[in-house]
Amino acid sequence: MAHMKLNEADDDFLSVPQAAVMIASGVSGTETFIERDKDTTVRIVLQTVAFATSDSAKLKSCIEVGDAQAFGEDGPAPAEHHLQSVQSVQVVVKAGERLGFKAYPVASGATVLKTVVYTADLR
């Protein structure tokens, strides 16, 4: 019988790369901004894990930057299955400007167990 808690595979999936900066960790995601002192290409990543509470469960990872949206999805899955979803986007952050974004999970027939949001500057 599966349990509604994180397992080792989930922990591995949610690990943040060494060079990345954690923005948020919890279950709901975040609405925030990033800024840099010089023009920089930045990867924004949302990873989320959920536990299916019913058949046909789905988990979506959503990132919104301005009017643009990107989605990653896992499912449909049977009840008591762990779902994992990831989405990332690359954006150019202009020197001295704030770039606002939202990153959040959407679960259907599932309970979100954990969500992490991080950024990594690309060189």
PDB file of N, CA and C in Angstrom:
ATOM      1  N   MET A   1       0.840  -1.185   0.000  1.00  0.00           N
ATOM      2  CA  MET A   1       0.000   0.000   0.000  1.00  0.00           C
ATOM      3  C   MET A   1       0.883   1.246   0.000  1.00  0.00           C
ATOM      4  N   ALA A   2       0.590   2.165  -0.865  1.00  0.00           N
ATOM      5  CA  ALA A   2       1.348   3.419  -0.944  1.00  0.00           C
ATOM      6  C   ALA A   2       0.946   4.351   0.199  1.00  0.00           C
ATOM      7  N   HIS A   3       1.843   5.262   0.539  1.00  0.00           N
ATOM      8  CA  HIS A   3       1.573   6.201   1.627  1.00  0.00           C
ATOM      9  C   HIS A   3       1.603   7.630   1.101  1.00  0.00           C
ATOM     10  N   MET A   4       0.800   8.477   1.756  1.00  0.00           N
ATOM     11  CA  MET A   4       0.732   9.887   1.354  1.00  0.00           C
ATOM     12  C   MET A   4       1.853  10.673   2.029  1.00  0.00           C
ATOM     13  N   LYS A   5       3.095  10.304   1.704  1.00  0.00           N
ATOM     14  CA  LYS A   5       4.261  11.034   2.178  1.00  0.00           C
ATOM     15  C   LYS A   5       5.361  10.870   1.141  1.00  0.00           C
ATOM     16  N   LEU A   6       6.344  11.746   1.205  1.00  0.00           N
ATOM     17  CA  LEU A   6       7.444  11.695   0.257  1.00  0.00           C
ATOM     18  C   LEU A   6       8.254  10.417   0.450  1.00  0.00           C
ATOM     19  N   ASN A   7       8.674   9.832  -0.668  1.00  0.00           N
ATOM     20  CA  ASN A   7       9.544   8.665  -0.596  1.00  0.00           C
ATOM     21  C   ASN A   7      10.925   9.047  -1.138  1.00  0.00           C
ATOM     22  N   GLU A   8      11.836   8.110  -1.169  1.00  0.00           N
ATOM     23  CA  GLU A   8      13.202   8.402  -1.592  1.00  0.00           C
ATOM     24  C   GLU A   8      13.256   8.890  -3.045  1.00  0.00           C
ATOM     25  N   ALA A   9      12.448   8.288  -3.908  1.00  0.00           N
ATOM     26  CA  ALA A   9      12.408   8.715  -5.319  1.00  0.00           C
ATOM     27  C   ALA A   9      11.929  10.165  -5.426  1.00  0.00           C
ATOM     28  N   ASP A  10      10.949  10.541  -4.596  1.00  0.00           N
ATOM     29  CA  ASP A  10      10.454  11.919  -4.591  1.00  0.00           C
ATOM     30  C   ASP A  10      11.547  12.879  -4.130  1.00  0.00           C
ATOM     31  N   ASP A  11      12.242  12.512  -3.061  1.00  0.00           N
ATOM     32  CA  ASP A  11      13.332  13.358  -2.547  1.00  0.00           C
ATOM     33  C   ASP A  11      14.404  13.578  -3.613  1.00  0.00           C
ATOM     34  N   ASP A  12      14.755  12.508  -4.330  1.00  0.00           N
ATOM     35  CA  ASP A  12      15.744  12.627  -5.403  1.00  0.00           C
ATOM     36  C   ASP A  12      15.235  13.556  -6.500  1.00  0.00           C
ATOM     37  N   PHE A  13      13.977  13.386  -6.884  1.00  0.00           N
ATOM     38  CA  PHE A  13      13.369  14.211  -7.933  1.00  0.00           C
ATOM     39  C   PHE A  13      13.362  15.689  -7.542  1.00  0.00           C
ATOM     40  N   LEU A  14      13.115  15.983  -6.275  1.00  0.00           N
ATOM     41  CA  LEU A  14      12.991  17.363  -5.794  1.00  0.00           C
ATOM     42  C   LEU A  14      14.326  18.018  -5.450  1.00  0.00           C
ATOM     43  N   SER A  15      15.418  17.299  -5.574  1.00  0.00           N
ATOM     44  CA  SER A  15      16.712  17.885  -5.198  1.00  0.00           C
ATOM     45  C   SER A  15      17.061  19.044  -6.131  1.00  0.00           C
ATOM     46  N   VAL A  16      17.620  20.078  -5.532  1.00  0.00           N
ATOM     47  CA  VAL A  16      17.981  21.303  -6.252  1.00  0.00           C
ATOM     48  C   VAL A  16      19.467  21.216  -6.627  1.00  0.00           C
ATOM     49  N   PRO A  17      19.806  21.492  -7.897  1.00  0.00           N
ATOM     50  CA  PRO A  17      21.212  21.438  -8.309  1.00  0.00           C
ATOM     51  C   PRO A  17      22.088  22.365  -7.462  1.00  0.00           C
ATOM     52  N   GLN A  18      23.336  22.016  -7.339  1.00  0.00           N
ATOM     53  CA  GLN A  18      24.268  22.735  -6.476  1.00  0.00           C
ATOM     54  C   GLN A  18      24.389  24.215  -6.836  1.00  0.00           C
ATOM     55  N   ALA A  19      24.410  24.563  -8.098  1.00  0.00           N
ATOM     56  CA  ALA A  19      24.613  25.956  -8.508  1.00  0.00           C
ATOM     57  C   ALA A  19      23.320  26.775  -8.516  1.00  0.00           C
ATOM     58  N   ALA A  20      22.193  26.150  -8.217  1.00  0.00           N
ATOM     59  CA  ALA A  20      20.898  26.837  -8.260  1.00  0.00           C
ATOM     60  C   ALA A  20      20.602  27.558  -6.940  1.00  0.00           C
ATOM     61  N   VAL A  21      19.634  28.490  -7.008  1.00  0.00           N
ATOM     62  CA  VAL A  21      19.194  29.234  -5.827  1.00  0.00           C
ATOM     63  C   VAL A  21      17.735  28.893  -5.560  1.00  0.00           C
ATOM     64  N   MET A  22      17.466  28.334  -4.368  1.00  0.00           N
ATOM     65  CA  MET A  22      16.096  27.995  -3.979  1.00  0.00           C
ATOM     66  C   MET A  22      15.286  29.276  -3.798  1.00  0.00           C
ATOM     67  N   ILE A  23      14.140  29.344  -4.462  1.00  0.00           N
ATOM     68  CA  ILE A  23      13.239  30.492  -4.342  1.00  0.00           C
ATOM     69  C   ILE A  23      12.109  30.183  -3.374  1.00  0.00           C
ATOM     70  N   ALA A  24      11.560  28.960  -3.457  1.00  0.00           N
ATOM     71  CA  ALA A  24      10.436  28.580  -2.594  1.00  0.00           C
ATOM     72  C   ALA A  24      10.422  27.069  -2.402  1.00  0.00           C
ATOM     73  N   SER A  25       9.920  26.655  -1.252  1.00  0.00           N
ATOM     74  CA  SER A  25       9.732  25.244  -0.947  1.00  0.00           C
ATOM     75  C   SER A  25       8.498  25.136  -0.063  1.00  0.00           C
ATOM     76  N   GLY A  26       7.604  24.249  -0.410  1.00  0.00           N
ATOM     77  CA  GLY A  26       6.367  24.069   0.341  1.00  0.00           C
ATOM     78  C   GLY A  26       5.385  23.296  -0.512  1.00  0.00           C
ATOM     79  N   VAL A  27       4.109  23.693  -0.493  1.00  0.00           N
ATOM     80  CA  VAL A  27       3.123  22.999  -1.315  1.00  0.00           C
ATOM     81  C   VAL A  27       2.453  23.900  -2.343  1.00  0.00           C
ATOM     82  N   SER A  28       2.563  25.223  -2.176  1.00  0.00           N
ATOM     83  CA  SER A  28       1.761  26.116  -3.019  1.00  0.00           C
ATOM     84  C   SER A  28       2.509  26.825  -4.143  1.00  0.00           C
ATOM     85  N   GLY A  29       3.835  26.797  -4.155  1.00  0.00           N
ATOM     86  CA  GLY A  29       4.573  27.539  -5.172  1.00  0.00           C
ATOM     87  C   GLY A  29       4.844  28.960  -4.719  1.00  0.00           C
ATOM     88  N   THR A  30       4.968  29.891  -5.689  1.00  0.00           N
ATOM     89  CA  THR A  30       5.319  31.265  -5.336  1.00  0.00           C
ATOM     90  C   THR A  30       4.904  32.252  -6.413  1.00  0.00           C
ATOM     91  N   GLU A  31       4.764  33.488  -6.017  1.00  0.00           N
ATOM     92  CA  GLU A  31       4.644  34.627  -6.927  1.00  0.00           C
ATOM     93  C   GLU A  31       5.686  35.629  -6.459  1.00  0.00           C
ATOM     94  N   THR A  32       6.682  35.891  -7.292  1.00  0.00           N
ATOM     95  CA  THR A  32       7.806  36.712  -6.868  1.00  0.00           C
ATOM     96  C   THR A  32       8.468  37.360  -8.086  1.00  0.00           C
ATOM     97  N   PHE A  33       9.651  37.899  -7.890  1.00  0.00           N
ATOM     98  CA  PHE A  33      10.407  38.481  -9.002  1.00  0.00           C
ATOM     99  C   PHE A  33      11.882  38.153  -8.810  1.00  0.00           C
ATOM    100  N   ILE A  34      12.622  38.275  -9.914  1.00  0.00           N
ATOM    101  CA  ILE A  34      14.075  38.152  -9.863  1.00  0.00           C
ATOM    102  C   ILE A  34      14.657  39.376 -10.546  1.00  0.00           C
ATOM    103  N   GLU A  35      15.866  39.734 -10.162  1.00  0.00           N
ATOM    104  CA  GLU A  35      16.575  40.839 -10.811  1.00  0.00           C
ATOM    105  C   GLU A  35      18.065  40.533 -10.813  1.00  0.00           C
ATOM    106  N   ARG A  36      18.768  41.096 -11.787  1.00  0.00           N
ATOM    107  CA  ARG A  36      20.205  40.902 -11.908  1.00  0.00           C
ATOM    108  C   ARG A  36      20.856  42.251 -12.193  1.00  0.00           C
ATOM    109  N   ASP A  37      22.156  42.378 -11.894  1.00  0.00           N
ATOM    110  CA  ASP A  37      22.856  43.646 -12.131  1.00  0.00           C
ATOM    111  C   ASP A  37      23.416  43.746 -13.546  1.00  0.00           C
ATOM    112  N   LYS A  38      23.377  42.651 -14.312  1.00  0.00           N
ATOM    113  CA  LYS A  38      23.742  42.686 -15.735  1.00  0.00           C
ATOM    114  C   LYS A  38      22.789  41.760 -16.491  1.00  0.00           C
ATOM    115  N   ASP A  39      22.649  41.945 -17.795  1.00  0.00           N
ATOM    116  CA  ASP A  39      21.782  41.084 -18.594  1.00  0.00           C
ATOM    117  C   ASP A  39      22.194  39.628 -18.384  1.00  0.00           C
ATOM    118  N   THR A  40      21.222  38.803 -17.987  1.00  0.00           N
ATOM    119  CA  THR A  40      21.518  37.417 -17.641  1.00  0.00           C
ATOM    120  C   THR A  40      20.398  36.502 -18.119  1.00  0.00           C
ATOM    121  N   THR A  41      20.770  35.381 -18.710  1.00  0.00           N
ATOM    122  CA  THR A  41      19.791  34.345 -19.030  1.00  0.00           C
ATOM    123  C   THR A  41      19.618  33.483 -17.790  1.00  0.00           C
ATOM    124  N   VAL A  42      18.369  33.335 -17.369  1.00  0.00           N
ATOM    125  CA  VAL A  42      18.060  32.620 -16.133  1.00  0.00           C
ATOM    126  C   VAL A  42      17.062  31.503 -16.432  1.00  0.00           C
ATOM    127  N   ARG A  43      17.316  30.343 -15.876  1.00  0.00           N
ATOM    128  CA  ARG A  43      16.356  29.238 -15.952  1.00  0.00           C
ATOM    129  C   ARG A  43      15.548  29.248 -14.657  1.00  0.00           C
ATOM    130  N   ILE A  44      14.216  29.264 -14.790  1.00  0.00           N
ATOM    131  CA  ILE A  44      13.294  29.151 -13.654  1.00  0.00           C
ATOM    132  C   ILE A  44      12.714  27.743 -13.706  1.00  0.00           C
ATOM    133  N   VAL A  45      12.779  27.023 -12.583  1.00  0.00           N
ATOM    134  CA  VAL A  45      12.331  25.627 -12.547  1.00  0.00           C
ATOM    135  C   VAL A  45      11.333  25.434 -11.410  1.00  0.00           C
ATOM    136  N   LEU A  46      10.262  24.702 -11.727  1.00  0.00           N
ATOM    137  CA  LEU A  46       9.261  24.282 -10.743  1.00  0.00           C
ATOM    138  C   LEU A  46       9.199  22.764 -10.791  1.00  0.00           C
ATOM    139  N   GLN A  47       9.400  22.120  -9.650  1.00  0.00           N
ATOM    140  CA  GLN A  47       9.271  20.668  -9.527  1.00  0.00           C
ATOM    141  C   GLN A  47       8.259  20.405  -8.427  1.00  0.00           C
ATOM    142  N   THR A  48       7.338  19.477  -8.670  1.00  0.00           N
ATOM    143  CA  THR A  48       6.314  19.201  -7.678  1.00  0.00           C
ATOM    144  C   THR A  48       5.967  17.717  -7.642  1.00  0.00           C
ATOM    145  N   VAL A  49       5.586  17.246  -6.470  1.00  0.00           N
ATOM    146  CA  VAL A  49       5.218  15.853  -6.243  1.00  0.00           C
ATOM    147  C   VAL A  49       3.866  15.834  -5.557  1.00  0.00           C
ATOM    148  N   ALA A  50       3.013  14.875  -5.978  1.00  0.00           N
ATOM    149  CA  ALA A  50       1.690  14.735  -5.374  1.00  0.00           C
ATOM    150  C   ALA A  50       1.363  13.259  -5.195  1.00  0.00           C
ATOM    151  N   PHE A  51       0.358  13.001  -4.368  1.00  0.00           N
ATOM    152  CA  PHE A  51      -0.137  11.652  -4.115  1.00  0.00           C
ATOM    153  C   PHE A  51      -1.556  11.565  -4.665  1.00  0.00           C
ATOM    154  N   ALA A  52      -1.789  10.601  -5.551  1.00  0.00           N
ATOM    155  CA  ALA A  52      -3.113  10.443  -6.166  1.00  0.00           C
ATOM    156  C   ALA A  52      -4.111   9.931  -5.138  1.00  0.00           C
ATOM    157  N   THR A  53      -5.187  10.682  -4.949  1.00  0.00           N
ATOM    158  CA  THR A  53      -6.236  10.289  -4.001  1.00  0.00           C
ATOM    159  C   THR A  53      -7.424   9.653  -4.709  1.00  0.00           C
ATOM    160  N   SER A  54      -7.410   9.672  -6.038  1.00  0.00           N
ATOM    161  CA  SER A  54      -8.461   9.023  -6.821  1.00  0.00           C
ATOM    162  C   SER A  54      -7.885   8.601  -8.165  1.00  0.00           C
ATOM    163  N   ASP A  55      -8.604   7.730  -8.854  1.00  0.00           N
ATOM    164  CA  ASP A  55      -8.170   7.318 -10.184  1.00  0.00           C
ATOM    165  C   ASP A  55      -8.226   8.497 -11.144  1.00  0.00           C
ATOM    166  N   SER A  56      -7.409   8.454 -12.159  1.00  0.00           N
ATOM    167  CA  SER A  56      -7.297   9.513 -13.172  1.00  0.00           C
ATOM    168  C   SER A  56      -6.736  10.818 -12.606  1.00  0.00           C
ATOM    169  N   ALA A  57      -5.930  10.710 -11.559  1.00  0.00           N
ATOM    170  CA  ALA A  57      -5.323  11.892 -10.946  1.00  0.00           C
ATOM    171  C   ALA A  57      -4.314  12.522 -11.905  1.00  0.00           C
ATOM    172  N   LYS A  58      -4.202  13.843 -11.830  1.00  0.00           N
ATOM    173  CA  LYS A  58      -3.252  14.585 -12.655  1.00  0.00           C
ATOM    174  C   LYS A  58      -2.535  15.620 -11.804  1.00  0.00           C
ATOM    175  N   LEU A  59      -1.303  15.934 -12.212  1.00  0.00           N
ATOM    176  CA  LEU A  59      -0.509  16.965 -11.555  1.00  0.00           C
ATOM    177  C   LEU A  59       0.133  17.822 -12.630  1.00  0.00           C
ATOM    178  N   LYS A  60      -0.062  19.116 -12.518  1.00  0.00           N
ATOM    179  CA  LYS A  60       0.478  20.051 -13.506  1.00  0.00           C
ATOM    180  C   LYS A  60       1.417  21.028 -12.805  1.00  0.00           C
ATOM    181  N   SER A  61       2.563  21.319 -13.437  1.00  0.00           N
ATOM    182  CA  SER A  61       3.500  22.343 -12.983  1.00  0.00           C
ATOM    183  C   SER A  61       3.341  23.539 -13.906  1.00  0.00           C
ATOM    184  N   CYS A  62       3.053  24.701 -13.348  1.00  0.00           N
ATOM    185  CA  CYS A  62       2.754  25.889 -14.156  1.00  0.00           C
ATOM    186  C   CYS A  62       3.727  27.021 -13.823  1.00  0.00           C
ATOM    187  N   ILE A  63       4.257  27.653 -14.863  1.00  0.00           N
ATOM    188  CA  ILE A  63       5.079  28.850 -14.702  1.00  0.00           C
ATOM    189  C   ILE A  63       4.503  29.921 -15.611  1.00  0.00           C
ATOM    190  N   GLU A  64       4.241  31.091 -15.034  1.00  0.00           N
ATOM    191  CA  GLU A  64       3.728  32.232 -15.791  1.00  0.00           C
ATOM    192  C   GLU A  64       4.733  33.370 -15.703  1.00  0.00           C
ATOM    193  N   VAL A  65       5.119  33.896 -16.871  1.00  0.00           N
ATOM    194  CA  VAL A  65       5.990  35.077 -16.956  1.00  0.00           C
ATOM    195  C   VAL A  65       5.283  36.042 -17.885  1.00  0.00           C
ATOM    196  N   GLY A  66       4.802  37.165 -17.338  1.00  0.00           N
ATOM    197  CA  GLY A  66       4.009  38.091 -18.145  1.00  0.00           C
ATOM    198  C   GLY A  66       2.764  37.392 -18.653  1.00  0.00           C
ATOM    199  N   ASP A  67       2.521  37.475 -19.965  1.00  0.00           N
ATOM    200  CA  ASP A  67       1.357  36.821 -20.564  1.00  0.00           C
ATOM    201  C   ASP A  67       1.647  35.395 -21.018  1.00  0.00           C
ATOM    202  N   ALA A  68       2.885  34.940 -20.891  1.00  0.00           N
ATOM    203  CA  ALA A  68       3.269  33.602 -21.342  1.00  0.00           C
ATOM    204  C   ALA A  68       3.101  32.587 -20.213  1.00  0.00           C
ATOM    205  N   GLN A  69       2.682  31.371 -20.602  1.00  0.00           N
ATOM    206  CA  GLN A  69       2.513  30.291 -19.642  1.00  0.00           C
ATOM    207  C   GLN A  69       3.163  29.023 -20.182  1.00  0.00           C
ATOM    208  N   ALA A  70       3.748  28.241 -19.283  1.00  0.00           N
ATOM    209  CA  ALA A  70       4.336  26.956 -19.639  1.00  0.00           C
ATOM    210  C   ALA A  70       3.852  25.924 -18.628  1.00  0.00           C
ATOM    211  N   PHE A  71       3.542  24.713 -19.121  1.00  0.00           N
ATOM    212  CA  PHE A  71       2.993  23.673 -18.264  1.00  0.00           C
ATOM    213  C   PHE A  71       3.702  22.349 -18.489  1.00  0.00           C
ATOM    214  N   GLY A  72       3.978  21.646 -17.398  1.00  0.00           N
ATOM    215  CA  GLY A  72       4.431  20.260 -17.439  1.00  0.00           C
ATOM    216  C   GLY A  72       3.380  19.444 -16.715  1.00  0.00           C
ATOM    217  N   GLU A  73       3.180  18.191 -17.115  1.00  0.00           N
ATOM    218  CA  GLU A  73       2.077  17.428 -16.523  1.00  0.00           C
ATOM    219  C   GLU A  73       2.442  15.962 -16.351  1.00  0.00           C
ATOM    220  N   ASP A  74       1.912  15.352 -15.296  1.00  0.00           N
ATOM    221  CA  ASP A  74       1.993  13.920 -15.067  1.00  0.00           C
ATOM    222  C   ASP A  74       0.578  13.415 -14.840  1.00  0.00           C
ATOM    223  N   GLY A  75       0.288  12.252 -15.360  1.00  0.00           N
ATOM    224  CA  GLY A  75      -1.038  11.670 -15.206  1.00  0.00           C
ATOM    225  C   GLY A  75      -1.717  11.543 -16.550  1.00  0.00           C
ATOM    226  N   PRO A  76      -2.862  10.929 -16.595  1.00  0.00           N
ATOM    227  CA  PRO A  76      -3.615  10.430 -15.438  1.00  0.00           C
ATOM    228  C   PRO A  76      -2.939   9.215 -14.798  1.00  0.00           C
ATOM    229  N   ALA A  77      -3.166   9.088 -13.493  1.00  0.00           N
ATOM    230  CA  ALA A  77      -2.575   8.007 -12.714  1.00  0.00           C
ATOM    231  C   ALA A  77      -3.633   7.390 -11.805  1.00  0.00           C
ATOM    232  N   PRO A  78      -3.453   6.130 -11.438  1.00  0.00           N
ATOM    233  CA  PRO A  78      -4.410   5.487 -10.531  1.00  0.00           C
ATOM    234  C   PRO A  78      -4.252   5.991  -9.095  1.00  0.00           C
ATOM    235  N   ALA A  79      -5.255   5.752  -8.289  1.00  0.00           N
ATOM    236  CA  ALA A  79      -5.221   6.136  -6.873  1.00  0.00           C
ATOM    237  C   ALA A  79      -4.002   5.517  -6.196  1.00  0.00           C
ATOM    238  N   GLU A  80      -3.458   6.220  -5.232  1.00  0.00           N
ATOM    239  CA  GLU A  80      -2.314   5.829  -4.410  1.00  0.00           C
ATOM    240  C   GLU A  80      -1.002   5.799  -5.191  1.00  0.00           C
ATOM    241  N   HIS A  81      -0.954   6.481  -6.303  1.00  0.00           N
ATOM    242  CA  HIS A  81       0.253   6.586  -7.123  1.00  0.00           C
ATOM    243  C   HIS A  81       0.920   7.934  -6.834  1.00  0.00           C
ATOM    244  N   HIS A  82       2.240   7.981  -6.840  1.00  0.00           N
ATOM    245  CA  HIS A  82       2.957   9.245  -6.698  1.00  0.00           C
ATOM    246  C   HIS A  82       3.113   9.869  -8.078  1.00  0.00           C
ATOM    247  N   LEU A  83       2.770  11.137  -8.197  1.00  0.00           N
ATOM    248  CA  LEU A  83       2.928  11.881  -9.444  1.00  0.00           C
ATOM    249  C   LEU A  83       4.080  12.854  -9.286  1.00  0.00           C
ATOM    250  N   GLN A  84       4.849  13.055 -10.361  1.00  0.00           N
ATOM    251  CA  GLN A  84       5.956  14.007 -10.370  1.00  0.00           C
ATOM    252  C   GLN A  84       5.860  14.843 -11.633  1.00  0.00           C
ATOM    253  N   SER A  85       5.955  16.151 -11.468  1.00  0.00           N
ATOM    254  CA  SER A  85       5.863  17.041 -12.620  1.00  0.00           C
ATOM    255  C   SER A  85       6.931  18.121 -12.514  1.00  0.00           C
ATOM    256  N   VAL A  86       7.485  18.482 -13.673  1.00  0.00           N
ATOM    257  CA  VAL A  86       8.505  19.527 -13.709  1.00  0.00           C
ATOM    258  C   VAL A  86       8.243  20.421 -14.915  1.00  0.00           C
ATOM    259  N   GLN A  87       8.536  21.700 -14.751  1.00  0.00           N
ATOM    260  CA  GLN A  87       8.490  22.652 -15.859  1.00  0.00           C
ATOM    261  C   GLN A  87       9.611  23.652 -15.643  1.00  0.00           C
ATOM    262  N   SER A  88      10.261  24.023 -16.740  1.00  0.00           N
ATOM    263  CA  SER A  88      11.276  25.064 -16.645  1.00  0.00           C
ATOM    264  C   SER A  88      11.136  26.002 -17.835  1.00  0.00           C
ATOM    265  N   VAL A  89      11.566  27.233 -17.631  1.00  0.00           N
ATOM    266  CA  VAL A  89      11.594  28.229 -18.696  1.00  0.00           C
ATOM    267  C   VAL A  89      12.920  28.974 -18.606  1.00  0.00           C
ATOM    268  N   GLN A  90      13.391  29.446 -19.746  1.00  0.00           N
ATOM    269  CA  GLN A  90      14.576  30.298 -19.776  1.00  0.00           C
ATOM    270  C   GLN A  90      14.136  31.695 -20.162  1.00  0.00           C
ATOM    271  N   VAL A  91      14.604  32.667 -19.414  1.00  0.00           N
ATOM    272  CA  VAL A  91      14.252  34.066 -19.659  1.00  0.00           C
ATOM    273  C   VAL A  91      15.514  34.913 -19.601  1.00  0.00           C
ATOM    274  N   VAL A  92      15.480  36.054 -20.274  1.00  0.00           N
ATOM    275  CA  VAL A  92      16.565  37.016 -20.164  1.00  0.00           C
ATOM    276  C   VAL A  92      16.109  38.104 -19.199  1.00  0.00           C
ATOM    277  N   VAL A  93      16.868  38.259 -18.128  1.00  0.00           N
ATOM    278  CA  VAL A  93      16.590  39.303 -17.150  1.00  0.00           C
ATOM    279  C   VAL A  93      17.503  40.472 -17.491  1.00  0.00           C
ATOM    280  N   LYS A  94      16.900  41.596 -17.844  1.00  0.00           N
ATOM    281  CA  LYS A  94      17.670  42.793 -18.215  1.00  0.00           C
ATOM    282  C   LYS A  94      18.275  43.439 -16.970  1.00  0.00           C
ATOM    283  N   ALA A  95      19.453  43.982 -17.119  1.00  0.00           N
ATOM    284  CA  ALA A  95      20.170  44.615 -16.006  1.00  0.00           C
ATOM    285  C   ALA A  95      19.297  45.648 -15.314  1.00  0.00           C
ATOM    286  N   GLY A  96      19.185  45.520 -13.992  1.00  0.00           N
ATOM    287  CA  GLY A  96      18.465  46.498 -13.186  1.00  0.00           C
ATOM    288  C   GLY A  96      16.952  46.411 -13.259  1.00  0.00           C
ATOM    289  N   GLU A  97      16.392  45.485 -14.019  1.00  0.00           N
ATOM    290  CA  GLU A  97      14.937  45.344 -14.127  1.00  0.00           C
ATOM    291  C   GLU A  97      14.464  44.134 -13.338  1.00  0.00           C
ATOM    292  N   ARG A  98      13.244  44.240 -12.809  1.00  0.00           N
ATOM    293  CA  ARG A  98      12.629  43.118 -12.115  1.00  0.00           C
ATOM    294  C   ARG A  98      11.791  42.317 -13.104  1.00  0.00           C
ATOM    295  N   LEU A  99      11.923  41.010 -13.035  1.00  0.00           N
ATOM    296  CA  LEU A  99      11.110  40.119 -13.853  1.00  0.00           C
ATOM    297  C   LEU A  99      10.211  39.329 -12.907  1.00  0.00           C
ATOM    298  N   GLY A 100       8.917  39.623 -12.954  1.00  0.00           N
ATOM    299  CA  GLY A 100       7.960  38.933 -12.101  1.00  0.00           C
ATOM    300  C   GLY A 100       7.519  37.614 -12.720  1.00  0.00           C
ATOM    301  N   PHE A 101       7.227  36.642 -11.866  1.00  0.00           N
ATOM    302  CA  PHE A 101       6.715  35.357 -12.358  1.00  0.00           C
ATOM    303  C   PHE A 101       5.923  34.659 -11.261  1.00  0.00           C
ATOM    304  N   LYS A 102       5.093  33.718 -11.712  1.00  0.00           N
ATOM    305  CA  LYS A 102       4.350  32.836 -10.817  1.00  0.00           C
ATOM    306  C   LYS A 102       4.751  31.407 -11.157  1.00  0.00           C
ATOM    307  N   ALA A 103       4.927  30.579 -10.139  1.00  0.00           N
ATOM    308  CA  ALA A 103       5.228  29.162 -10.329  1.00  0.00           C
ATOM    309  C   ALA A 103       4.404  28.394  -9.297  1.00  0.00           C
ATOM    310  N   TYR A 104       3.539  27.484  -9.787  1.00  0.00           N
ATOM    311  CA  TYR A 104       2.608  26.827  -8.871  1.00  0.00           C
ATOM    312  C   TYR A 104       2.146  25.482  -9.434  1.00  0.00           C
ATOM    313  N   PRO A 105       1.752  24.565  -8.535  1.00  0.00           N
ATOM    314  CA  PRO A 105       1.201  23.293  -8.978  1.00  0.00           C
ATOM    315  C   PRO A 105      -0.324  23.369  -9.078  1.00  0.00           C
ATOM    316  N   VAL A 106      -0.890  22.515  -9.928  1.00  0.00           N
ATOM    317  CA  VAL A 106      -2.341  22.336 -10.009  1.00  0.00           C
ATOM    318  C   VAL A 106      -2.588  20.831  -9.959  1.00  0.00           C
ATOM    319  N   ALA A 107      -3.271  20.379  -8.911  1.00  0.00           N
ATOM    320  CA  ALA A 107      -3.535  18.951  -8.746  1.00  0.00           C
ATOM    321  C   ALA A 107      -5.021  18.680  -8.930  1.00  0.00           C
ATOM    322  N   SER A 108      -5.316  17.585  -9.606  1.00  0.00           N
ATOM    323  CA  SER A 108      -6.692  17.136  -9.798  1.00  0.00           C
ATOM    324  C   SER A 108      -6.770  15.683  -9.345  1.00  0.00           C
ATOM    325  N   GLY A 109      -7.541  15.419  -8.310  1.00  0.00           N
ATOM    326  CA  GLY A 109      -7.619  14.067  -7.771  1.00  0.00           C
ATOM    327  C   GLY A 109      -6.347  13.654  -7.064  1.00  0.00           C
ATOM    328  N   ALA A 110      -5.597  14.631  -6.571  1.00  0.00           N
ATOM    329  CA  ALA A 110      -4.320  14.354  -5.901  1.00  0.00           C
ATOM    330  C   ALA A 110      -4.050  15.428  -4.851  1.00  0.00           C
ATOM    331  N   THR A 111      -3.201  15.082  -3.906  1.00  0.00           N
ATOM    332  CA  THR A 111      -2.770  16.012  -2.866  1.00  0.00           C
ATOM    333  C   THR A 111      -1.302  16.343  -3.083  1.00  0.00           C
ATOM    334  N   VAL A 112      -0.986  17.632  -3.217  1.00  0.00           N
ATOM    335  CA  VAL A 112       0.404  18.050  -3.407  1.00  0.00           C
ATOM    336  C   VAL A 112       1.171  17.787  -2.112  1.00  0.00           C
ATOM    337  N   LEU A 113       2.301  17.103  -2.246  1.00  0.00           N
ATOM    338  CA  LEU A 113       3.141  16.798  -1.089  1.00  0.00           C
ATOM    339  C   LEU A 113       4.259  17.820  -0.921  1.00  0.00           C
ATOM    340  N   LYS A 114       4.846  18.240  -2.026  1.00  0.00           N
ATOM    341  CA  LYS A 114       5.918  19.239  -1.934  1.00  0.00           C
ATOM    342  C   LYS A 114       6.156  19.851  -3.307  1.00  0.00           C
ATOM    343  N   THR A 115       6.525  21.124  -3.275  1.00  0.00           N
ATOM    344  CA  THR A 115       6.863  21.880  -4.481  1.00  0.00           C
ATOM    345  C   THR A 115       8.134  22.664  -4.203  1.00  0.00           C
ATOM    346  N   VAL A 116       9.056  22.656  -5.157  1.00  0.00           N
ATOM    347  CA  VAL A 116      10.248  23.493  -5.051  1.00  0.00           C
ATOM    348  C   VAL A 116      10.348  24.361  -6.299  1.00  0.00           C
ATOM    349  N   VAL A 117      10.779  25.594  -6.084  1.00  0.00           N
ATOM    350  CA  VAL A 117      11.018  26.533  -7.176  1.00  0.00           C
ATOM    351  C   VAL A 117      12.441  27.041  -7.005  1.00  0.00           C
ATOM    352  N   TYR A 118      13.213  26.984  -8.093  1.00  0.00           N
ATOM    353  CA  TYR A 118      14.580  27.492  -8.023  1.00  0.00           C
ATOM    354  C   TYR A 118      14.962  28.150  -9.336  1.00  0.00           C
ATOM    355  N   THR A 119      16.038  28.935  -9.273  1.00  0.00           N
ATOM    356  CA  THR A 119      16.569  29.575 -10.473  1.00  0.00           C
ATOM    357  C   THR A 119      18.040  29.204 -10.615  1.00  0.00           C
ATOM    358  N   ALA A 120      18.489  29.264 -11.853  1.00  0.00           N
ATOM    359  CA  ALA A 120      19.913  29.038 -12.144  1.00  0.00           C
ATOM    360  C   ALA A 120      20.322  29.982 -13.261  1.00  0.00           C
ATOM    361  N   ASP A 121      21.378  30.749 -13.021  1.00  0.00           N
ATOM    362  CA  ASP A 121      21.909  31.624 -14.062  1.00  0.00           C
ATOM    363  C   ASP A 121      22.696  30.787 -15.060  1.00  0.00           C
ATOM    364  N   LEU A 122      22.452  31.016 -16.341  1.00  0.00           N
ATOM    365  CA  LEU A 122      23.146  30.277 -17.394  1.00  0.00           C
ATOM    366  C   LEU A 122      24.312  31.093 -17.896  1.00  0.00           C
ATOM    367  N   ARG A 123      25.388  30.473 -18.141  1.00  0.00           N
ATOM    368  CA  ARG A 123      26.589  31.167 -18.574  1.00  0.00           C
ATOM    369  C   ARG A 123      26.905  30.854 -20.012  1.00  0.00           C
TER     370      ARG A 123
END
